Amino acid sequence: MEKLITIGEAAQRTGLSAKMIRHYEASGLLKCSKRSEAGYRLYDSQQLQLLGVIKQARKLGFPIAQIQSLLDLLQNPDRTSREVKSIAQHHLNEIEHKINELQQMRETLKQLSDNCSGDENANCPILDGLCQNSLK
């Protein structure tokens, strides 16, 4: 019989907080844990593995809905790698889009900042640029 562990030990083994584990359970990412006679949550090795996957997926910035899809695929022996790759590729495309937006933001802000002397003069090219860009 497999040894079940408490939420505290699950938190320690996974590096997640007990609060986050309860959150993942409440949100449906992790099915409800078994309970001890005293009402304590108990977790098995499969739930620990799923918690590890959740943690890694969150580190990679996957949203909850995509994590749920990945967990469903992980537990589906009939899955195809194409399905998994599709989710990962979609997320990668979103990350690349965000990176491009951030690079454009950085370049615009750098240009505005470079044009400002930062002295006692009331004239401010940064504010002028923000006003101009707000009308486009």
Protein backbone atom coordinates (compact mmCIF):
# COMPACT_ATOMS: atom_id res chain seq x y z
CA MET A 1 0.00 0.00 0.00
CA GLU A 2 1.33 3.40 -1.00
CA LYS A 3 2.25 5.81 1.75
CA LEU A 4 0.20 9.00 1.71
CA ILE A 5 1.76 12.24 2.86
CA THR A 6 0.33 15.38 4.42
CA ILE A 7 0.01 18.71 2.68
CA GLY A 8 2.99 19.99 4.67
CA GLU A 9 5.23 17.22 3.40
CA ALA A 10 3.83 17.61 -0.12
CA ALA A 11 4.67 21.31 0.06
CA GLN A 12 8.18 20.53 1.23
CA ARG A 13 8.79 17.94 -1.50
CA THR A 14 7.41 20.06 -4.33
CA GLY A 15 8.59 23.50 -3.22
CA LEU A 16 5.03 24.78 -3.39
CA SER A 17 3.30 26.37 -0.44
CA ALA A 18 0.42 24.55 1.22
CA LYS A 19 -1.73 27.54 0.26
CA MET A 20 -0.88 27.07 -3.43
CA ILE A 21 -1.57 23.34 -3.22
CA ARG A 22 -5.00 24.08 -1.75
CA HIS A 23 -5.54 26.68 -4.50
CA TYR A 24 -4.68 24.17 -7.24
CA GLU A 25 -7.06 21.71 -5.65
CA ALA A 26 -9.85 24.30 -5.38
CA SER A 27 -9.33 25.39 -9.00
CA GLY A 28 -9.65 21.81 -10.22
CA LEU A 29 -6.07 21.34 -11.44
CA LEU A 30 -5.57 18.71 -8.79
CA LYS A 31 -8.39 16.38 -7.84
CA CYS A 32 -9.52 16.56 -4.24
CA SER A 33 -7.13 14.81 -1.93
CA LYS A 34 -8.03 12.00 0.40
CA ARG A 35 -8.53 12.95 4.01
CA SER A 36 -7.24 11.39 7.19
CA GLU A 37 -9.66 10.54 9.98
CA ALA A 38 -8.70 13.89 11.51
CA GLY A 39 -9.54 15.68 8.25
CA TYR A 40 -5.98 16.37 7.06
CA ARG A 41 -5.34 16.33 3.32
CA LEU A 42 -3.31 13.34 2.16
CA TYR A 43 -1.47 13.05 -1.16
CA ASP A 44 -0.17 10.09 -3.13
CA SER A 45 2.79 9.86 -5.53
CA GLN A 46 0.64 10.58 -8.60
CA GLN A 47 -0.65 13.80 -7.04
CA LEU A 48 2.93 14.77 -6.16
CA GLN A 49 3.92 14.23 -9.79
CA LEU A 50 1.02 16.41 -10.95
CA LEU A 51 2.02 19.12 -8.48
CA GLY A 52 5.55 19.01 -9.92
CA VAL A 53 4.17 19.41 -13.44
CA ILE A 54 1.97 22.31 -12.31
CA LYS A 55 4.94 24.02 -10.69
CA GLN A 56 7.12 23.66 -13.80
CA ALA A 57 4.32 24.78 -16.11
CA ARG A 58 3.71 27.86 -13.95
CA LYS A 59 7.44 28.66 -14.05
CA LEU A 60 7.15 28.60 -17.83
CA GLY A 61 4.21 30.98 -17.64
CA PHE A 62 1.48 28.64 -18.83
CA PRO A 63 -1.98 29.91 -17.91
CA ILE A 64 -4.20 27.69 -15.76
CA ALA A 65 -6.38 26.57 -18.69
CA GLN A 66 -3.36 25.36 -20.65
CA ILE A 67 -1.96 23.64 -17.56
CA GLN A 68 -5.27 21.81 -17.20
CA SER A 69 -5.00 20.68 -20.83
CA LEU A 70 -1.42 19.50 -20.26
CA LEU A 71 -2.44 17.59 -17.13
CA ASP A 72 -5.33 15.98 -19.00
CA LEU A 73 -2.94 14.90 -21.74
CA LEU A 74 -0.39 13.64 -19.20
CA GLN A 75 -3.03 11.35 -17.74
CA ASN A 76 -4.36 10.21 -21.13
CA PRO A 77 -2.51 7.15 -22.43
CA ASP A 78 -4.05 7.75 -25.90
CA ARG A 79 -2.60 11.26 -26.24
CA THR A 80 -0.39 12.24 -29.12
CA SER A 81 2.73 14.32 -28.83
CA ARG A 82 1.19 16.55 -31.51
CA GLU A 83 -1.48 17.64 -29.02
CA VAL A 84 1.11 18.45 -26.37
CA LYS A 85 3.35 20.29 -28.82
CA SER A 86 0.41 22.33 -30.07
CA ILE A 87 -0.22 23.68 -26.56
CA ALA A 88 3.47 24.40 -26.01
CA GLN A 89 3.85 26.03 -29.43
CA HIS A 90 0.82 28.25 -28.84
CA HIS A 91 2.30 29.41 -25.53
CA LEU A 92 5.70 29.96 -27.14
CA ASN A 93 4.09 32.12 -29.83
CA GLU A 94 2.40 34.20 -27.13
CA ILE A 95 5.73 34.65 -25.31
CA GLU A 96 7.47 35.73 -28.52
CA HIS A 97 4.68 38.24 -29.20
CA LYS A 98 5.07 39.67 -25.69
CA ILE A 99 8.84 39.89 -26.12
CA ASN A 100 8.37 41.84 -29.37
CA GLU A 101 5.94 44.22 -27.66
CA LEU A 102 8.37 44.74 -24.77
CA GLN A 103 11.25 45.41 -27.17
CA GLN A 104 9.14 48.02 -28.98
CA MET A 105 8.19 49.60 -25.66
CA ARG A 106 11.85 49.70 -24.62
CA GLU A 107 12.91 51.31 -27.88
CA THR A 108 10.21 53.98 -27.72
CA LEU A 109 10.94 54.77 -24.09
CA LYS A 110 14.68 54.86 -24.78
CA GLN A 111 14.17 57.35 -27.64
CA LEU A 112 11.94 59.54 -25.48
CA SER A 113 14.37 59.40 -22.57
CA ASP A 114 17.42 60.08 -24.79
CA ASN A 115 15.70 63.23 -26.14
CA CYS A 116 15.08 64.63 -22.67
CA SER A 117 17.84 66.71 -21.11
CA GLY A 118 16.55 66.07 -17.60
CA ASP A 119 17.37 69.62 -16.51
CA GLU A 120 15.41 72.48 -14.90
CA ASN A 121 13.66 73.33 -18.18
CA ALA A 122 9.86 72.78 -18.21
CA ASN A 123 10.01 71.56 -21.80
CA CYS A 124 9.95 67.76 -21.70
CA PRO A 125 10.28 65.64 -24.84
CA ILE A 126 9.05 62.61 -22.89
CA LEU A 127 5.69 64.27 -22.13
CA ASP A 128 5.56 65.67 -25.66
CA GLY A 129 6.12 62.19 -27.06
CA LEU A 130 3.48 60.66 -24.81
CA CYS A 131 0.98 63.30 -25.94
CA GLN A 132 1.77 62.68 -29.62
CA ASN A 133 1.57 58.89 -29.28
CA SER A 134 -1.77 59.07 -27.49
CA LEU A 135 -3.45 60.52 -30.60
CA LYS A 136 -2.41 57.79 -33.03
